[in-house]
Amino acid sequence: MGTYLIFGLRLGLGLLLFTTYVQAQTFVFPEKGQSPEQQELDDFTCYKWAKQQTGYDPEHPDLAAAPPPPSGGGAMRGAMGGAALGAIGGAIAGNAGKGAAIGAAAGGGMGIIGQRRAERGYQEEVQQASAKNQQTRATFDRAHNVCMEAKGYKIG
């Protein structure tokens, strides 16, 4: 389950970033009769300038802000730990096998709860990283547009 959730979160983040990029697409009109070649050169110059001013590169958005996904196996680790503790407790009471079984069940349940909690925390951190990326992208776009307008283009 955890693997599918993590894949879904990564896919969702990628689609969100792509959608944001498509929605943020601007139109540029050369008001001073600039040639397509000049417009391409000006666009590249403004891209570099906006990148320098904001520290953001749309070609390489900062996804590092999102931590790695929580590793799976919470139930298994919990069950193993619970079985060990249950076996010790059962040995003291005279039935190590029954104690191990009870400990494994309890530990497995706690492992599942811990894994789900970690996945929810991961989802929140991915959403925060995505929001930060959108905000930084908007700042980059404003800087790029200011530069293009200064070079004689109408931005819309």
Protein backbone atom coordinates (compact mmCIF):
# COMPACT_ATOMS: atom_id res chain seq x y z
CA MET A 1 0.00 0.00 0.00
CA GLY A 2 2.80 2.41 0.92
CA THR A 3 4.50 2.03 -2.46
CA TYR A 4 1.31 2.90 -4.34
CA LEU A 5 0.69 5.88 -2.09
CA ILE A 6 4.23 7.17 -2.58
CA PHE A 7 4.02 6.69 -6.36
CA GLY A 8 0.68 8.50 -6.38
CA LEU A 9 2.10 11.40 -4.38
CA ARG A 10 5.08 11.77 -6.71
CA LEU A 11 2.87 11.54 -9.78
CA GLY A 12 0.47 14.07 -8.28
CA LEU A 13 3.31 16.47 -7.47
CA GLY A 14 4.65 16.16 -11.02
CA LEU A 15 1.23 16.84 -12.53
CA LEU A 16 0.73 19.79 -10.19
CA LEU A 17 4.06 21.30 -11.24
CA PHE A 18 3.29 20.69 -14.93
CA THR A 19 -0.19 22.17 -14.58
CA THR A 20 1.24 25.20 -12.81
CA TYR A 21 3.76 25.68 -15.61
CA VAL A 22 1.08 25.40 -18.31
CA GLN A 23 -1.22 27.80 -16.47
CA ALA A 24 1.63 30.27 -15.96
CA GLN A 25 2.52 30.34 -19.66
CA THR A 26 2.62 33.91 -20.95
CA PHE A 27 2.30 35.46 -24.37
CA VAL A 28 4.97 37.82 -25.66
CA PHE A 29 4.43 40.37 -28.43
CA PRO A 30 7.38 42.29 -29.93
CA GLU A 31 6.17 45.93 -29.77
CA LYS A 32 9.30 47.30 -31.45
CA GLY A 33 9.27 44.89 -34.39
CA GLN A 34 11.96 42.59 -32.99
CA SER A 35 12.71 39.56 -35.16
CA PRO A 36 11.98 36.04 -33.87
CA GLU A 37 15.73 35.53 -33.51
CA GLN A 38 16.07 38.72 -31.43
CA GLN A 39 13.06 37.71 -29.33
CA GLU A 40 14.65 34.32 -28.65
CA LEU A 41 17.92 35.99 -27.64
CA ASP A 42 16.09 38.48 -25.38
CA ASP A 43 14.05 35.67 -23.83
CA PHE A 44 17.22 33.71 -23.04
CA THR A 45 18.90 36.80 -21.60
CA CYS A 46 15.87 37.52 -19.41
CA TYR A 47 15.67 33.86 -18.37
CA LYS A 48 19.27 34.01 -17.14
CA TRP A 49 18.66 37.36 -15.41
CA ALA A 50 15.48 36.14 -13.66
CA LYS A 51 17.28 32.97 -12.58
CA GLN A 52 20.13 35.04 -11.15
CA GLN A 53 17.74 37.41 -9.34
CA THR A 54 15.50 34.73 -7.83
CA GLY A 55 17.82 31.74 -7.48
CA TYR A 56 15.14 29.63 -9.19
CA ASP A 57 15.49 27.65 -12.41
CA PRO A 58 12.20 26.42 -13.92
CA GLU A 59 14.14 23.73 -15.76
CA HIS A 60 15.20 22.30 -12.39
CA PRO A 61 12.56 23.14 -9.77
CA ASP A 62 13.62 22.54 -6.18
CA LEU A 63 11.95 19.29 -5.29
CA ALA A 64 14.64 18.58 -2.72
CA ALA A 65 12.53 20.43 -0.18
CA ALA A 66 10.32 17.35 -0.02
CA PRO A 67 11.92 14.69 2.16
CA PRO A 68 12.30 11.12 0.97
CA PRO A 69 9.15 9.03 1.42
CA PRO A 70 8.86 6.96 4.58
CA SER A 71 10.14 3.44 4.09
CA GLY A 72 7.66 0.61 4.12
CA GLY A 73 7.73 -2.33 6.49
CA GLY A 74 6.28 -0.65 9.54
CA ALA A 75 3.99 -3.60 10.25
CA MET A 76 6.78 -6.15 9.80
CA ARG A 77 9.22 -4.29 12.03
CA GLY A 78 6.52 -3.77 14.62
CA ALA A 79 5.53 -7.43 14.50
CA MET A 80 9.13 -8.60 14.91
CA GLY A 81 9.74 -6.28 17.83
CA GLY A 82 6.41 -7.21 19.40
CA ALA A 83 7.12 -10.92 18.95
CA ALA A 84 10.47 -10.57 20.67
CA LEU A 85 8.99 -8.66 23.59
CA GLY A 86 6.02 -11.03 23.74
CA ALA A 87 8.30 -14.07 23.78
CA ILE A 88 10.25 -12.60 26.68
CA GLY A 89 7.04 -11.80 28.55
CA GLY A 90 5.59 -15.21 27.68
CA ALA A 91 8.75 -16.99 28.83
CA ILE A 92 8.44 -15.29 32.19
CA ALA A 93 4.78 -16.35 32.40
CA GLY A 94 5.58 -19.86 31.15
CA ASN A 95 4.28 -19.73 27.53
CA ALA A 96 6.78 -18.07 25.18
CA GLY A 97 4.91 -19.09 21.98
CA LYS A 98 1.62 -17.54 23.02
CA GLY A 99 3.38 -14.41 24.26
CA ALA A 100 5.25 -14.10 20.95
CA ALA A 101 2.02 -14.41 18.95
CA ILE A 102 0.24 -11.79 21.03
CA GLY A 103 3.28 -9.50 20.89
CA ALA A 104 3.57 -9.91 17.10
CA ALA A 105 -0.08 -8.99 16.59
CA ALA A 106 0.14 -5.96 18.84
CA GLY A 107 3.47 -4.86 17.39
CA GLY A 108 2.21 -5.30 13.82
CA GLY A 109 -0.81 -3.13 14.56
CA MET A 110 1.37 -0.44 16.08
CA GLY A 111 3.71 -0.65 13.08
CA ILE A 112 0.82 -0.07 10.67
CA ILE A 113 -0.37 2.92 12.69
CA GLY A 114 3.15 4.37 12.72
CA GLN A 115 3.54 3.82 8.96
CA ARG A 116 0.26 5.59 8.21
CA ARG A 117 1.23 8.49 10.45
CA ALA A 118 4.56 8.78 8.62
CA GLU A 119 2.78 8.71 5.23
CA ARG A 120 0.42 11.52 6.30
CA GLY A 121 3.39 13.58 7.47
CA TYR A 122 5.10 12.95 4.14
CA GLN A 123 1.99 14.08 2.23
CA GLU A 124 1.93 17.34 4.19
CA GLU A 125 5.62 18.00 3.52
CA VAL A 126 5.17 17.32 -0.21
CA GLN A 127 2.26 19.78 -0.30
CA GLN A 128 4.33 22.42 1.49
CA ALA A 129 7.24 21.91 -0.92
CA SER A 130 4.85 22.21 -3.87
CA ALA A 131 3.38 25.46 -2.51
CA LYS A 132 6.88 26.87 -1.99
CA ASN A 133 7.83 25.85 -5.54
CA GLN A 134 4.73 27.59 -6.96
CA GLN A 135 5.50 30.77 -5.05
CA THR A 136 9.13 30.78 -6.19
CA ARG A 137 8.06 30.10 -9.78
CA ALA A 138 5.68 33.06 -9.65
CA THR A 139 8.53 35.30 -8.47
CA PHE A 140 10.73 34.03 -11.30
CA ASP A 141 7.95 34.71 -13.85
CA ARG A 142 7.51 38.28 -12.56
CA ALA A 143 11.26 38.92 -12.88
CA HIS A 144 11.34 37.44 -16.39
CA ASN A 145 8.34 39.51 -17.48
CA VAL A 146 9.84 42.75 -16.10
CA CYS A 147 13.01 42.09 -18.08
CA MET A 148 11.09 41.33 -21.30
CA GLU A 149 8.97 44.47 -20.90
CA ALA A 150 12.15 46.52 -20.44
CA LYS A 151 13.38 45.11 -23.75
CA GLY A 152 10.25 46.32 -25.56
CA TYR A 153 7.83 43.39 -25.43
CA LYS A 154 4.18 43.35 -24.43
CA ILE A 155 3.54 40.55 -21.93
CA GLY A 156 0.10 39.05 -21.47
